[in-house]
Every structure is written in C-alpha cells, then in structure tokens.
Amino acid sequence: MITRADSNKTIEISFQSIEGYISFNSGTTLKINVNIPEKNTTIPFVITQSAIDLHKAVVYAIHDISWQIVNDPTIQDYILCK
C-alpha cells in the first residue's frame, strides 16, 4: 500500500503472479493489480518481456509494468485531482 502523510488517497498494489521460462531467449509474464479503494476500482496490469537471461526479463517486466501504472489515465486522474 502506498500512502502519503499529507493525503487521504490510497493505492494498493498487489502482485498476482509471475511465470517465466528459460530457453535460447528467456521470458516472463508479470501480473499486478492496482486497487483504488476510494473509487472501488481495481485495474489489472499484465506484461510479457523477454531477454537473454531470465533475471533480466523479470527486471525489464517490472520496469515496463511500473511505467504502465504511472501512465495509466485512471491512476493519474486519481493521484493528481485536487
């Protein structure tokens, strides 16, 4: 859960699953839910990423999904509205 001391807005981020495979080109699928309790809204995020090694694929997937969350218009509207 992410909260700020000077705000009553809450965003809950929950890790749902991760699936990976190792072969010539390894990959992973990462699933995360973002819940906004005040709006009774849950937004699912899924990203699949590949790389030469599984560890890099996981890191790339976390990076990509973080940007999806930050750039989501519903989340931006909730965070930025006054």
N, C-alpha and C. Protein backbone atom coordinates (compact mmCIF):
# COMPACT_ATOMS: atom_id res chain seq x y z
N MET A 1 0.84 -1.16 0.00
CA MET A 1 0.00 0.00 0.00
C MET A 1 0.89 1.23 0.00
N ILE A 2 0.52 2.21 -0.82
CA ILE A 2 1.27 3.46 -0.91
C ILE A 2 0.39 4.58 -0.36
N THR A 3 0.87 5.30 0.63
CA THR A 3 0.13 6.44 1.19
C THR A 3 1.09 7.59 1.45
N ARG A 4 0.53 8.78 1.48
CA ARG A 4 1.30 9.97 1.84
C ARG A 4 0.71 10.53 3.13
N ALA A 5 1.56 11.05 3.98
CA ALA A 5 1.11 11.57 5.27
C ALA A 5 0.15 12.75 5.10
N ASP A 6 0.33 13.55 4.06
CA ASP A 6 -0.50 14.73 3.87
C ASP A 6 -1.67 14.49 2.90
N SER A 7 -2.00 13.22 2.63
CA SER A 7 -3.08 12.90 1.70
C SER A 7 -3.89 11.73 2.23
N ASN A 8 -5.17 11.71 1.88
CA ASN A 8 -6.01 10.60 2.28
C ASN A 8 -6.20 9.61 1.13
N LYS A 9 -5.47 9.80 0.04
CA LYS A 9 -5.58 8.92 -1.12
C LYS A 9 -4.73 7.68 -0.91
N THR A 10 -5.28 6.53 -1.27
CA THR A 10 -4.60 5.26 -1.09
C THR A 10 -4.63 4.47 -2.38
N ILE A 11 -3.48 3.90 -2.73
CA ILE A 11 -3.38 2.99 -3.87
C ILE A 11 -2.76 1.70 -3.34
N GLU A 12 -3.44 0.59 -3.57
CA GLU A 12 -2.94 -0.72 -3.15
C GLU A 12 -2.43 -1.46 -4.38
N ILE A 13 -1.19 -1.88 -4.34
CA ILE A 13 -0.59 -2.62 -5.45
C ILE A 13 -0.35 -4.05 -4.98
N SER A 14 -0.95 -5.02 -5.67
CA SER A 14 -0.79 -6.42 -5.27
C SER A 14 -0.22 -7.24 -6.43
N PHE A 15 0.77 -8.03 -6.08
CA PHE A 15 1.43 -8.92 -7.02
C PHE A 15 0.55 -10.16 -7.17
N GLN A 16 0.14 -10.48 -8.40
CA GLN A 16 -0.73 -11.63 -8.62
C GLN A 16 0.05 -12.89 -9.00
N SER A 17 0.91 -12.77 -10.01
CA SER A 17 1.69 -13.95 -10.41
C SER A 17 2.85 -13.55 -11.31
N ILE A 18 3.78 -14.48 -11.40
CA ILE A 18 4.89 -14.35 -12.34
C ILE A 18 5.15 -15.73 -12.92
N GLU A 19 5.28 -15.77 -14.22
CA GLU A 19 5.59 -17.01 -14.92
C GLU A 19 6.81 -16.76 -15.77
N GLY A 20 7.75 -17.67 -15.75
CA GLY A 20 8.96 -17.49 -16.54
C GLY A 20 9.35 -18.76 -17.26
N TYR A 21 10.14 -18.59 -18.28
CA TYR A 21 10.67 -19.74 -18.99
C TYR A 21 12.11 -19.46 -19.39
N ILE A 22 12.89 -20.52 -19.45
CA ILE A 22 14.29 -20.41 -19.82
C ILE A 22 14.50 -21.24 -21.08
N SER A 23 15.03 -20.60 -22.10
CA SER A 23 15.39 -21.28 -23.34
C SER A 23 16.46 -20.42 -24.02
N PHE A 24 16.57 -20.50 -25.33
CA PHE A 24 17.53 -19.64 -26.03
C PHE A 24 17.24 -18.18 -25.72
N ASN A 25 15.96 -17.82 -25.67
CA ASN A 25 15.54 -16.47 -25.31
C ASN A 25 14.55 -16.60 -24.16
N SER A 26 14.96 -16.27 -22.94
CA SER A 26 14.12 -16.43 -21.75
C SER A 26 13.07 -15.34 -21.69
N GLY A 27 12.03 -15.59 -20.91
CA GLY A 27 10.98 -14.59 -20.79
C GLY A 27 10.18 -14.75 -19.53
N THR A 28 9.34 -13.75 -19.28
CA THR A 28 8.49 -13.76 -18.09
C THR A 28 7.20 -13.01 -18.36
N THR A 29 6.16 -13.41 -17.65
CA THR A 29 4.88 -12.69 -17.66
C THR A 29 4.58 -12.31 -16.22
N LEU A 30 4.35 -11.03 -15.99
CA LEU A 30 4.12 -10.47 -14.66
C LEU A 30 2.70 -9.92 -14.61
N LYS A 31 1.96 -10.28 -13.55
CA LYS A 31 0.58 -9.80 -13.38
C LYS A 31 0.47 -9.08 -12.04
N ILE A 32 -0.03 -7.85 -12.09
CA ILE A 32 -0.19 -7.00 -10.91
C ILE A 32 -1.57 -6.36 -10.94
N ASN A 33 -2.20 -6.21 -9.78
CA ASN A 33 -3.45 -5.46 -9.67
C ASN A 33 -3.21 -4.18 -8.89
N VAL A 34 -3.80 -3.10 -9.35
CA VAL A 34 -3.76 -1.83 -8.63
C VAL A 34 -5.19 -1.53 -8.21
N ASN A 35 -5.38 -1.38 -6.90
CA ASN A 35 -6.70 -1.14 -6.34
C ASN A 35 -6.76 0.29 -5.79
N ILE A 36 -7.83 1.00 -6.14
CA ILE A 36 -8.09 2.32 -5.58
C ILE A 36 -9.35 2.18 -4.73
N PRO A 37 -9.20 1.97 -3.41
CA PRO A 37 -10.35 1.70 -2.55
C PRO A 37 -11.41 2.81 -2.57
N GLU A 38 -10.99 4.06 -2.61
CA GLU A 38 -11.93 5.18 -2.60
C GLU A 38 -12.87 5.14 -3.81
N LYS A 39 -12.37 4.67 -4.94
CA LYS A 39 -13.17 4.58 -6.16
C LYS A 39 -13.75 3.19 -6.38
N ASN A 40 -13.43 2.25 -5.49
CA ASN A 40 -13.85 0.86 -5.63
C ASN A 40 -13.47 0.32 -7.02
N THR A 41 -12.22 0.59 -7.41
CA THR A 41 -11.71 0.24 -8.74
C THR A 41 -10.45 -0.61 -8.60
N THR A 42 -10.39 -1.67 -9.39
CA THR A 42 -9.20 -2.48 -9.49
C THR A 42 -8.79 -2.54 -10.96
N ILE A 43 -7.53 -2.22 -11.21
CA ILE A 43 -7.02 -2.20 -12.58
C ILE A 43 -5.94 -3.27 -12.70
N PRO A 44 -6.17 -4.27 -13.56
CA PRO A 44 -5.16 -5.31 -13.74
C PRO A 44 -4.10 -4.88 -14.77
N PHE A 45 -2.87 -5.24 -14.52
CA PHE A 45 -1.77 -4.98 -15.44
C PHE A 45 -1.05 -6.29 -15.72
N VAL A 46 -0.77 -6.54 -16.99
CA VAL A 46 -0.05 -7.74 -17.40
C VAL A 46 1.02 -7.32 -18.40
N ILE A 47 2.22 -7.81 -18.22
CA ILE A 47 3.31 -7.51 -19.16
C ILE A 47 4.09 -8.79 -19.41
N THR A 48 4.47 -9.01 -20.65
CA THR A 48 5.35 -10.12 -21.01
C THR A 48 6.61 -9.51 -21.59
N GLN A 49 7.74 -9.99 -21.12
CA GLN A 49 9.03 -9.45 -21.53
C GLN A 49 10.00 -10.60 -21.77
N SER A 50 10.90 -10.42 -22.72
CA SER A 50 11.90 -11.45 -22.97
C SER A 50 13.29 -10.82 -22.96
N ALA A 51 14.29 -11.65 -22.70
CA ALA A 51 15.68 -11.22 -22.67
C ALA A 51 16.56 -12.46 -22.77
N ILE A 52 17.84 -12.24 -22.87
CA ILE A 52 18.77 -13.37 -22.98
C ILE A 52 18.78 -14.21 -21.70
N ASP A 53 18.59 -13.58 -20.54
CA ASP A 53 18.51 -14.37 -19.31
C ASP A 53 17.26 -14.01 -18.52
N LEU A 54 16.79 -14.96 -17.73
CA LEU A 54 15.52 -14.82 -17.04
C LEU A 54 15.52 -13.65 -16.06
N HIS A 55 16.63 -13.43 -15.36
CA HIS A 55 16.69 -12.33 -14.40
C HIS A 55 16.48 -10.99 -15.09
N LYS A 56 17.09 -10.80 -16.24
CA LYS A 56 16.91 -9.55 -16.99
C LYS A 56 15.48 -9.41 -17.47
N ALA A 57 14.86 -10.50 -17.90
CA ALA A 57 13.47 -10.44 -18.35
C ALA A 57 12.55 -9.99 -17.22
N VAL A 58 12.79 -10.48 -16.01
CA VAL A 58 11.98 -10.07 -14.85
C VAL A 58 12.17 -8.59 -14.55
N VAL A 59 13.41 -8.13 -14.57
CA VAL A 59 13.69 -6.71 -14.29
C VAL A 59 13.04 -5.83 -15.35
N TYR A 60 13.15 -6.21 -16.62
CA TYR A 60 12.52 -5.43 -17.70
C TYR A 60 11.00 -5.40 -17.53
N ALA A 61 10.42 -6.53 -17.13
CA ALA A 61 8.97 -6.59 -16.93
C ALA A 61 8.53 -5.68 -15.79
N ILE A 62 9.29 -5.67 -14.69
CA ILE A 62 8.97 -4.78 -13.56
C ILE A 62 9.06 -3.32 -14.00
N HIS A 63 10.08 -2.99 -14.76
CA HIS A 63 10.24 -1.62 -15.27
C HIS A 63 9.05 -1.24 -16.16
N ASP A 64 8.70 -2.11 -17.10
CA ASP A 64 7.60 -1.81 -18.01
C ASP A 64 6.27 -1.67 -17.29
N ILE A 65 6.00 -2.56 -16.35
CA ILE A 65 4.73 -2.51 -15.65
C ILE A 65 4.65 -1.29 -14.74
N SER A 66 5.78 -0.87 -14.19
CA SER A 66 5.81 0.36 -13.39
C SER A 66 5.41 1.56 -14.23
N TRP A 67 5.92 1.63 -15.45
CA TRP A 67 5.56 2.73 -16.34
C TRP A 67 4.10 2.65 -16.77
N GLN A 68 3.56 1.45 -16.96
CA GLN A 68 2.14 1.32 -17.27
C GLN A 68 1.29 1.88 -16.14
N ILE A 69 1.67 1.57 -14.91
CA ILE A 69 0.92 2.06 -13.75
C ILE A 69 1.01 3.58 -13.67
N VAL A 70 2.20 4.13 -13.79
CA VAL A 70 2.40 5.58 -13.70
C VAL A 70 1.64 6.32 -14.80
N ASN A 71 1.59 5.75 -15.99
CA ASN A 71 0.97 6.42 -17.14
C ASN A 71 -0.51 6.09 -17.34
N ASP A 72 -1.08 5.26 -16.49
CA ASP A 72 -2.50 4.93 -16.63
C ASP A 72 -3.35 6.16 -16.34
N PRO A 73 -4.27 6.53 -17.25
CA PRO A 73 -5.06 7.75 -17.05
C PRO A 73 -5.96 7.73 -15.81
N THR A 74 -6.50 6.58 -15.46
CA THR A 74 -7.35 6.49 -14.26
C THR A 74 -6.54 6.76 -13.00
N ILE A 75 -5.35 6.18 -12.93
CA ILE A 75 -4.48 6.37 -11.77
C ILE A 75 -3.96 7.80 -11.72
N GLN A 76 -3.57 8.34 -12.88
CA GLN A 76 -3.10 9.73 -12.91
C GLN A 76 -4.20 10.68 -12.45
N ASP A 77 -5.41 10.46 -12.93
CA ASP A 77 -6.53 11.33 -12.55
C ASP A 77 -6.78 11.27 -11.05
N TYR A 78 -6.70 10.09 -10.48
CA TYR A 78 -6.92 9.93 -9.04
C TYR A 78 -5.82 10.61 -8.23
N ILE A 79 -4.57 10.42 -8.64
CA ILE A 79 -3.44 10.97 -7.90
C ILE A 79 -3.40 12.49 -8.01
N LEU A 80 -3.65 13.02 -9.21
CA LEU A 80 -3.45 14.44 -9.47
C LEU A 80 -4.65 15.33 -9.19
N CYS A 81 -5.85 14.75 -9.10
CA CYS A 81 -7.03 15.60 -8.88
C CYS A 81 -6.97 16.20 -7.48
N LYS A 82 -7.51 17.40 -7.33
CA LYS A 82 -7.45 18.10 -6.05
C LYS A 82 -8.81 18.30 -5.45
